[in-house]
Amino acid sequence: KELSMLVILPKDDDLTAVEQSLDPGTLAELQQNLSARRVMVYFPKFTLETKYFLPDTLSAMGMPTAFSSAADFSGMDGTRNLFIDDVIHQAFVEVNEEGTEAAAATAGVVSLCSGTMPGFIPVFQADHPFIFLIQDNETGNILFMGRVMNPGGG
């Protein structure tokens, strides 16, 4: 398995506290507390698509010259006539039966409980707002992160 999906489902509809507490240390702690066990999962199908135009962001990060006629990309074509006109980042995430089926063998649930009855199968039902992360298992890098505010779609 090269990638995994972590779903953070708060007890109520308010994601604000969860989002404010998310940092690399918190995520690492959550993942250390995960255990593989049989779980009944009810998860909505969803598709997310975003597009970001990045020239202003990249200029603010220290690359303003690259977007002007003062840019020097002569290493690419031997002249100084090139500059970057636009940078677009587009992401697409789709979760459906096929995608969930492949990941359904292992489900992670973090919870506090006093104990469980033998034979009891916990239920994970993403029926209110949640956060998801898609992560590279080898590097730990987060490739996609998003939130689903209306999993019922209505």
N, C-alpha and C. Protein backbone atom coordinates (compact mmCIF):
# COMPACT_ATOMS: atom_id res chain seq x y z
N LYS A 1 0.85 -1.18 0.00
CA LYS A 1 0.00 0.00 0.00
C LYS A 1 0.89 1.24 0.00
N GLU A 2 0.81 2.02 -1.06
CA GLU A 2 1.64 3.21 -1.16
C GLU A 2 1.03 4.42 -0.48
N LEU A 3 -0.30 4.50 -0.52
CA LEU A 3 -1.00 5.65 0.04
C LEU A 3 -2.03 5.20 1.07
N SER A 4 -2.32 6.08 2.00
CA SER A 4 -3.39 5.79 2.95
C SER A 4 -4.20 7.06 3.17
N MET A 5 -5.42 6.86 3.62
CA MET A 5 -6.32 7.98 3.91
C MET A 5 -6.63 7.98 5.39
N LEU A 6 -6.43 9.12 6.02
CA LEU A 6 -6.77 9.31 7.42
C LEU A 6 -7.97 10.23 7.47
N VAL A 7 -9.01 9.81 8.16
CA VAL A 7 -10.22 10.62 8.30
C VAL A 7 -10.34 11.03 9.76
N ILE A 8 -10.48 12.32 9.98
CA ILE A 8 -10.64 12.85 11.33
C ILE A 8 -12.09 13.31 11.45
N LEU A 9 -12.85 12.58 12.24
CA LEU A 9 -14.29 12.83 12.40
C LEU A 9 -14.54 13.30 13.83
N PRO A 10 -14.78 14.60 14.03
CA PRO A 10 -15.06 15.07 15.40
C PRO A 10 -16.41 14.55 15.88
N LYS A 11 -16.63 14.62 17.18
CA LYS A 11 -17.88 14.12 17.75
C LYS A 11 -19.08 14.98 17.34
N ASP A 12 -18.85 16.26 17.02
CA ASP A 12 -19.95 17.13 16.60
C ASP A 12 -19.63 17.73 15.23
N ASP A 13 -20.44 18.68 14.79
CA ASP A 13 -20.28 19.26 13.46
C ASP A 13 -19.20 20.33 13.36
N ASP A 14 -18.61 20.74 14.47
CA ASP A 14 -17.68 21.86 14.47
C ASP A 14 -16.25 21.39 14.21
N LEU A 15 -15.72 21.75 13.05
CA LEU A 15 -14.35 21.39 12.71
C LEU A 15 -13.33 22.41 13.20
N THR A 16 -13.77 23.56 13.67
CA THR A 16 -12.87 24.65 14.01
C THR A 16 -11.80 24.23 15.02
N ALA A 17 -12.21 23.63 16.12
CA ALA A 17 -11.24 23.22 17.15
C ALA A 17 -10.27 22.18 16.61
N VAL A 18 -10.78 21.26 15.81
CA VAL A 18 -9.92 20.22 15.23
C VAL A 18 -8.91 20.86 14.29
N GLU A 19 -9.37 21.74 13.42
CA GLU A 19 -8.47 22.39 12.47
C GLU A 19 -7.40 23.21 13.18
N GLN A 20 -7.79 23.91 14.25
CA GLN A 20 -6.83 24.73 14.98
C GLN A 20 -5.79 23.89 15.72
N SER A 21 -6.13 22.67 16.06
CA SER A 21 -5.19 21.82 16.80
C SER A 21 -4.30 20.99 15.89
N LEU A 22 -4.60 20.95 14.59
CA LEU A 22 -3.82 20.11 13.68
C LEU A 22 -2.45 20.70 13.42
N ASP A 23 -1.44 19.95 13.73
CA ASP A 23 -0.07 20.28 13.40
C ASP A 23 0.67 18.95 13.24
N PRO A 24 1.91 18.97 12.76
CA PRO A 24 2.61 17.69 12.54
C PRO A 24 2.70 16.81 13.79
N GLY A 25 2.88 17.41 14.96
CA GLY A 25 2.97 16.63 16.19
C GLY A 25 1.66 15.95 16.53
N THR A 26 0.56 16.67 16.39
CA THR A 26 -0.76 16.11 16.66
C THR A 26 -1.08 14.97 15.71
N LEU A 27 -0.77 15.18 14.41
CA LEU A 27 -1.01 14.12 13.43
C LEU A 27 -0.18 12.88 13.74
N ALA A 28 1.08 13.08 14.10
CA ALA A 28 1.95 11.94 14.43
C ALA A 28 1.39 11.18 15.63
N GLU A 29 0.91 11.92 16.63
CA GLU A 29 0.34 11.28 17.82
C GLU A 29 -0.93 10.49 17.47
N LEU A 30 -1.79 11.09 16.63
CA LEU A 30 -3.00 10.38 16.20
C LEU A 30 -2.63 9.07 15.51
N GLN A 31 -1.66 9.13 14.61
CA GLN A 31 -1.30 7.95 13.84
C GLN A 31 -0.64 6.88 14.71
N GLN A 32 0.09 7.30 15.74
CA GLN A 32 0.70 6.32 16.64
C GLN A 32 -0.37 5.58 17.45
N ASN A 33 -1.51 6.22 17.68
CA ASN A 33 -2.57 5.61 18.47
C ASN A 33 -3.55 4.78 17.65
N LEU A 34 -3.34 4.71 16.34
CA LEU A 34 -4.22 3.90 15.49
C LEU A 34 -3.91 2.42 15.66
N SER A 35 -4.93 1.62 15.53
CA SER A 35 -4.74 0.18 15.54
C SER A 35 -5.65 -0.43 14.49
N ALA A 36 -5.19 -1.51 13.89
CA ALA A 36 -6.00 -2.19 12.88
C ALA A 36 -7.01 -3.08 13.58
N ARG A 37 -8.27 -2.90 13.23
CA ARG A 37 -9.32 -3.75 13.76
C ARG A 37 -10.52 -3.68 12.83
N ARG A 38 -11.39 -4.66 12.97
CA ARG A 38 -12.59 -4.71 12.13
C ARG A 38 -13.53 -3.59 12.58
N VAL A 39 -13.96 -2.80 11.59
CA VAL A 39 -14.85 -1.67 11.85
C VAL A 39 -15.90 -1.62 10.76
N MET A 40 -17.15 -1.36 11.12
CA MET A 40 -18.21 -1.14 10.14
C MET A 40 -18.10 0.31 9.70
N VAL A 41 -17.83 0.54 8.41
CA VAL A 41 -17.59 1.89 7.91
C VAL A 41 -18.74 2.34 7.01
N TYR A 42 -19.28 3.51 7.33
CA TYR A 42 -20.27 4.19 6.49
C TYR A 42 -19.62 5.50 6.06
N PHE A 43 -19.29 5.56 4.78
CA PHE A 43 -18.51 6.69 4.28
C PHE A 43 -19.13 7.22 3.00
N PRO A 44 -19.30 8.52 2.87
CA PRO A 44 -19.96 9.06 1.68
C PRO A 44 -19.05 9.05 0.46
N LYS A 45 -19.66 8.97 -0.71
CA LYS A 45 -18.92 9.21 -1.95
C LYS A 45 -18.77 10.72 -2.07
N PHE A 46 -17.59 11.15 -2.52
CA PHE A 46 -17.43 12.58 -2.77
C PHE A 46 -16.33 12.82 -3.78
N THR A 47 -16.42 13.97 -4.41
CA THR A 47 -15.42 14.42 -5.37
C THR A 47 -15.08 15.86 -5.03
N LEU A 48 -13.79 16.13 -4.95
CA LEU A 48 -13.32 17.50 -4.70
C LEU A 48 -12.38 17.89 -5.83
N GLU A 49 -12.54 19.08 -6.32
CA GLU A 49 -11.65 19.59 -7.35
C GLU A 49 -11.33 21.04 -7.02
N THR A 50 -10.05 21.38 -7.02
CA THR A 50 -9.64 22.75 -6.73
C THR A 50 -8.63 23.19 -7.77
N LYS A 51 -8.58 24.48 -7.97
CA LYS A 51 -7.59 25.05 -8.88
C LYS A 51 -7.07 26.34 -8.24
N TYR A 52 -5.76 26.45 -8.15
CA TYR A 52 -5.13 27.64 -7.57
C TYR A 52 -4.22 28.27 -8.61
N PHE A 53 -4.30 29.59 -8.73
CA PHE A 53 -3.39 30.35 -9.57
C PHE A 53 -2.34 30.94 -8.64
N LEU A 54 -1.07 30.60 -8.86
CA LEU A 54 -0.04 30.83 -7.86
C LEU A 54 0.93 31.98 -8.08
N PRO A 55 0.87 32.78 -9.15
CA PRO A 55 1.87 33.83 -9.31
C PRO A 55 1.99 34.78 -8.12
N ASP A 56 0.88 35.25 -7.57
CA ASP A 56 0.95 36.17 -6.43
C ASP A 56 1.58 35.50 -5.22
N THR A 57 1.20 34.27 -4.97
CA THR A 57 1.75 33.53 -3.83
C THR A 57 3.25 33.31 -4.00
N LEU A 58 3.67 32.86 -5.18
CA LEU A 58 5.09 32.61 -5.42
C LEU A 58 5.89 33.90 -5.40
N SER A 59 5.33 34.98 -5.90
CA SER A 59 6.01 36.29 -5.83
C SER A 59 6.21 36.70 -4.38
N ALA A 60 5.19 36.52 -3.56
CA ALA A 60 5.28 36.87 -2.14
C ALA A 60 6.28 35.99 -1.40
N MET A 61 6.53 34.78 -1.93
CA MET A 61 7.49 33.87 -1.30
C MET A 61 8.92 34.13 -1.77
N GLY A 62 9.12 35.14 -2.62
CA GLY A 62 10.48 35.49 -3.02
C GLY A 62 10.81 35.26 -4.47
N MET A 63 9.83 35.04 -5.33
CA MET A 63 10.09 34.81 -6.75
C MET A 63 9.49 35.89 -7.65
N PRO A 64 9.48 37.15 -7.27
CA PRO A 64 8.80 38.14 -8.12
C PRO A 64 9.44 38.33 -9.49
N THR A 65 10.74 38.20 -9.57
CA THR A 65 11.45 38.43 -10.84
C THR A 65 11.05 37.41 -11.89
N ALA A 66 10.76 36.19 -11.48
CA ALA A 66 10.42 35.13 -12.43
C ALA A 66 9.18 35.47 -13.25
N PHE A 67 8.33 36.36 -12.73
CA PHE A 67 7.08 36.72 -13.40
C PHE A 67 7.17 38.06 -14.12
N SER A 68 8.39 38.55 -14.32
CA SER A 68 8.56 39.85 -15.00
C SER A 68 9.55 39.72 -16.15
N SER A 69 9.66 40.78 -16.93
CA SER A 69 10.60 40.76 -18.06
C SER A 69 12.05 40.77 -17.59
N ALA A 70 12.29 40.98 -16.29
CA ALA A 70 13.65 40.93 -15.75
C ALA A 70 14.11 39.50 -15.47
N ALA A 71 13.25 38.53 -15.70
CA ALA A 71 13.60 37.12 -15.45
C ALA A 71 14.73 36.68 -16.37
N ASP A 72 15.57 35.78 -15.86
CA ASP A 72 16.66 35.23 -16.68
C ASP A 72 16.51 33.72 -16.77
N PHE A 73 15.88 33.28 -17.82
CA PHE A 73 15.76 31.85 -18.10
C PHE A 73 16.59 31.50 -19.34
N SER A 74 17.72 32.20 -19.50
CA SER A 74 18.56 31.99 -20.68
C SER A 74 19.12 30.57 -20.73
N GLY A 75 19.16 29.90 -19.61
CA GLY A 75 19.62 28.51 -19.59
C GLY A 75 18.66 27.58 -20.31
N MET A 76 17.46 28.03 -20.55
CA MET A 76 16.46 27.19 -21.22
C MET A 76 16.49 27.35 -22.73
N ASP A 77 16.63 28.60 -23.21
CA ASP A 77 16.58 28.78 -24.66
C ASP A 77 17.71 29.65 -25.21
N GLY A 78 18.65 30.07 -24.37
CA GLY A 78 19.79 30.86 -24.82
C GLY A 78 19.51 32.35 -24.92
N THR A 79 18.26 32.76 -24.73
CA THR A 79 17.93 34.19 -24.75
C THR A 79 17.37 34.59 -23.40
N ARG A 80 17.14 35.88 -23.25
CA ARG A 80 16.52 36.37 -22.02
C ARG A 80 15.10 36.83 -22.30
N ASN A 81 14.44 36.19 -23.26
CA ASN A 81 13.10 36.61 -23.66
C ASN A 81 11.99 35.84 -22.95
N LEU A 82 12.33 34.98 -22.03
CA LEU A 82 11.32 34.16 -21.35
C LEU A 82 11.04 34.67 -19.94
N PHE A 83 9.80 34.59 -19.54
CA PHE A 83 9.42 34.77 -18.14
C PHE A 83 8.19 33.91 -17.89
N ILE A 84 7.89 33.67 -16.64
CA ILE A 84 6.74 32.83 -16.28
C ILE A 84 5.49 33.70 -16.30
N ASP A 85 4.51 33.29 -17.07
CA ASP A 85 3.27 34.04 -17.18
C ASP A 85 2.27 33.62 -16.09
N ASP A 86 2.19 32.33 -15.81
CA ASP A 86 1.22 31.85 -14.83
C ASP A 86 1.66 30.49 -14.29
N VAL A 87 1.29 30.19 -13.08
CA VAL A 87 1.50 28.87 -12.48
C VAL A 87 0.16 28.45 -11.91
N ILE A 88 -0.31 27.29 -12.34
CA ILE A 88 -1.62 26.79 -11.91
C ILE A 88 -1.43 25.44 -11.22
N HIS A 89 -2.00 25.32 -10.05
CA HIS A 89 -2.00 24.04 -9.33
C HIS A 89 -3.44 23.55 -9.29
N GLN A 90 -3.66 22.32 -9.75
CA GLN A 90 -5.00 21.75 -9.76
C GLN A 90 -4.96 20.40 -9.05
N ALA A 91 -5.93 20.17 -8.20
CA ALA A 91 -6.01 18.90 -7.47
C ALA A 91 -7.40 18.32 -7.63
N PHE A 92 -7.45 17.00 -7.68
CA PHE A 92 -8.71 16.29 -7.86
C PHE A 92 -8.69 15.06 -6.96
N VAL A 93 -9.70 14.91 -6.14
CA VAL A 93 -9.81 13.75 -5.26
C VAL A 93 -11.21 13.19 -5.42
N GLU A 94 -11.29 11.88 -5.66
CA GLU A 94 -12.60 11.22 -5.77
C GLU A 94 -12.59 10.00 -4.87
N VAL A 95 -13.59 9.89 -4.05
CA VAL A 95 -13.75 8.73 -3.18
C VAL A 95 -15.07 8.07 -3.56
N ASN A 96 -15.00 6.80 -3.92
CA ASN A 96 -16.21 6.05 -4.28
C ASN A 96 -16.06 4.61 -3.82
N GLU A 97 -16.97 3.76 -4.25
CA GLU A 97 -16.95 2.37 -3.80
C GLU A 97 -15.63 1.69 -4.13
N GLU A 98 -15.11 1.90 -5.31
CA GLU A 98 -13.86 1.25 -5.69
C GLU A 98 -12.70 1.73 -4.82
N GLY A 99 -12.65 3.04 -4.60
CA GLY A 99 -11.58 3.60 -3.78
C GLY A 99 -11.67 3.17 -2.33
N THR A 100 -12.87 3.12 -1.81
CA THR A 100 -13.04 2.74 -0.41
C THR A 100 -12.84 1.24 -0.24
N GLU A 101 -13.23 0.49 -1.22
CA GLU A 101 -13.10 -0.96 -1.14
C GLU A 101 -11.65 -1.36 -0.97
N ALA A 102 -10.75 -0.72 -1.68
CA ALA A 102 -9.33 -1.05 -1.60
C ALA A 102 -8.76 -0.73 -0.23
N ALA A 103 -9.30 0.32 0.42
CA ALA A 103 -8.79 0.73 1.72
C ALA A 103 -9.60 0.13 2.87
N ALA A 104 -10.66 -0.62 2.55
CA ALA A 104 -11.55 -1.10 3.60
C ALA A 104 -10.96 -2.23 4.43
N ALA A 105 -9.87 -2.83 3.97
CA ALA A 105 -9.28 -3.93 4.72
C ALA A 105 -8.76 -3.46 6.07
N THR A 106 -8.29 -2.23 6.14
CA THR A 106 -7.79 -1.68 7.38
C THR A 106 -8.46 -0.34 7.61
N ALA A 107 -9.02 -0.14 8.78
CA ALA A 107 -9.61 1.14 9.13
C ALA A 107 -9.03 1.57 10.45
N GLY A 108 -8.70 2.83 10.57
CA GLY A 108 -8.16 3.35 11.82
C GLY A 108 -9.22 4.13 12.55
N VAL A 109 -9.38 3.86 13.81
CA VAL A 109 -10.34 4.59 14.64
C VAL A 109 -9.63 4.94 15.94
N VAL A 110 -9.64 6.20 16.29
CA VAL A 110 -9.07 6.63 17.56
C VAL A 110 -10.23 6.98 18.46
N SER A 111 -10.30 6.33 19.60
CA SER A 111 -11.40 6.63 20.50
C SER A 111 -11.00 6.31 21.92
N LEU A 112 -11.68 6.92 22.85
CA LEU A 112 -11.49 6.62 24.27
C LEU A 112 -12.67 5.78 24.70
N CYS A 113 -12.40 4.64 25.30
CA CYS A 113 -13.52 3.81 25.74
C CYS A 113 -13.12 3.06 26.99
N SER A 114 -14.11 2.64 27.74
CA SER A 114 -13.84 1.91 28.97
C SER A 114 -13.68 0.42 28.69
N GLY A 115 -14.01 0.00 27.51
CA GLY A 115 -13.91 -1.40 27.15
C GLY A 115 -14.95 -1.73 26.12
N THR A 116 -14.77 -2.84 25.43
CA THR A 116 -15.75 -3.24 24.44
C THR A 116 -16.20 -4.66 24.72
N MET A 117 -17.40 -4.94 24.31
CA MET A 117 -17.93 -6.28 24.49
C MET A 117 -17.31 -7.20 23.45
N PRO A 118 -17.04 -8.45 23.81
CA PRO A 118 -16.51 -9.39 22.83
C PRO A 118 -17.47 -9.53 21.66
N GLY A 119 -16.93 -9.54 20.45
CA GLY A 119 -17.74 -9.68 19.25
C GLY A 119 -18.37 -8.38 18.77
N PHE A 120 -18.23 -7.30 19.55
CA PHE A 120 -18.79 -6.01 19.16
C PHE A 120 -17.95 -5.40 18.05
N ILE A 121 -18.60 -4.96 16.97
CA ILE A 121 -17.89 -4.30 15.87
C ILE A 121 -18.24 -2.82 15.93
N PRO A 122 -17.23 -1.96 16.19
CA PRO A 122 -17.50 -0.52 16.25
C PRO A 122 -17.96 0.01 14.90
N VAL A 123 -18.71 1.11 14.94
CA VAL A 123 -19.22 1.74 13.72
C VAL A 123 -18.53 3.08 13.54
N PHE A 124 -18.01 3.30 12.33
CA PHE A 124 -17.44 4.60 11.95
C PHE A 124 -18.37 5.16 10.88
N GLN A 125 -19.13 6.19 11.24
CA GLN A 125 -20.11 6.75 10.32
C GLN A 125 -19.79 8.22 10.07
N ALA A 126 -19.29 8.51 8.88
CA ALA A 126 -18.93 9.88 8.51
C ALA A 126 -20.17 10.59 7.98
N ASP A 127 -21.07 10.94 8.90
CA ASP A 127 -22.34 11.56 8.52
C ASP A 127 -22.42 13.03 8.91
N HIS A 128 -21.29 13.60 9.34
CA HIS A 128 -21.21 15.02 9.62
C HIS A 128 -19.81 15.50 9.21
N PRO A 129 -19.53 16.80 9.23
CA PRO A 129 -18.27 17.32 8.69
C PRO A 129 -17.04 16.59 9.22
N PHE A 130 -16.09 16.35 8.30
CA PHE A 130 -14.84 15.68 8.67
C PHE A 130 -13.68 16.21 7.83
N ILE A 131 -12.49 15.91 8.29
CA ILE A 131 -11.25 16.27 7.59
C ILE A 131 -10.63 14.98 7.08
N PHE A 132 -10.02 15.03 5.91
CA PHE A 132 -9.31 13.86 5.40
C PHE A 132 -7.93 14.25 4.91
N LEU A 133 -7.02 13.30 5.02
CA LEU A 133 -5.66 13.47 4.52
C LEU A 133 -5.29 12.24 3.71
N ILE A 134 -4.67 12.43 2.58
CA ILE A 134 -4.12 11.32 1.81
C ILE A 134 -2.62 11.45 1.90
N GLN A 135 -1.99 10.38 2.36
CA GLN A 135 -0.60 10.42 2.75
C GLN A 135 0.21 9.33 2.06
N ASP A 136 1.45 9.66 1.72
CA ASP A 136 2.40 8.68 1.20
C ASP A 136 2.91 7.87 2.38
N ASN A 137 2.71 6.57 2.36
CA ASN A 137 3.08 5.74 3.51
C ASN A 137 4.58 5.64 3.72
N GLU A 138 5.36 5.74 2.66
CA GLU A 138 6.81 5.61 2.80
C GLU A 138 7.44 6.87 3.38
N THR A 139 7.03 8.03 2.88
CA THR A 139 7.65 9.29 3.32
C THR A 139 6.88 9.98 4.44
N GLY A 140 5.59 9.66 4.57
CA GLY A 140 4.75 10.36 5.53
C GLY A 140 4.24 11.70 5.02
N ASN A 141 4.62 12.07 3.80
CA ASN A 141 4.18 13.35 3.24
C ASN A 141 2.68 13.35 2.98
N ILE A 142 2.04 14.45 3.31
CA ILE A 142 0.62 14.63 3.04
C ILE A 142 0.50 15.14 1.61
N LEU A 143 -0.17 14.37 0.76
CA LEU A 143 -0.33 14.73 -0.65
C LEU A 143 -1.59 15.56 -0.87
N PHE A 144 -2.65 15.25 -0.16
CA PHE A 144 -3.90 15.99 -0.25
C PHE A 144 -4.47 16.12 1.15
N MET A 145 -5.11 17.25 1.39
CA MET A 145 -5.81 17.45 2.66
C MET A 145 -7.05 18.27 2.35
N GLY A 146 -8.16 17.88 2.93
CA GLY A 146 -9.39 18.63 2.66
C GLY A 146 -10.41 18.39 3.74
N ARG A 147 -11.54 19.04 3.56
CA ARG A 147 -12.63 18.84 4.50
C ARG A 147 -13.92 18.65 3.72
N VAL A 148 -14.77 17.83 4.25
CA VAL A 148 -16.09 17.61 3.68
C VAL A 148 -17.08 18.17 4.69
N MET A 149 -17.79 19.21 4.28
CA MET A 149 -18.69 19.91 5.20
C MET A 149 -20.11 19.34 5.19
N ASN A 150 -20.51 18.74 4.06
CA ASN A 150 -21.87 18.23 3.95
C ASN A 150 -21.82 16.83 3.35
N PRO A 151 -21.43 15.83 4.15
CA PRO A 151 -21.28 14.48 3.60
C PRO A 151 -22.58 13.86 3.11
N GLY A 152 -23.71 14.37 3.55
CA GLY A 152 -24.98 13.85 3.07
C GLY A 152 -25.33 14.37 1.68
N GLY A 153 -24.64 15.41 1.25
CA GLY A 153 -24.84 15.96 -0.08
C GLY A 153 -26.10 16.78 -0.25
N GLY A 154 -26.90 16.91 0.77
CA GLY A 154 -28.16 17.63 0.64
C GLY A 154 -28.06 19.01 1.02
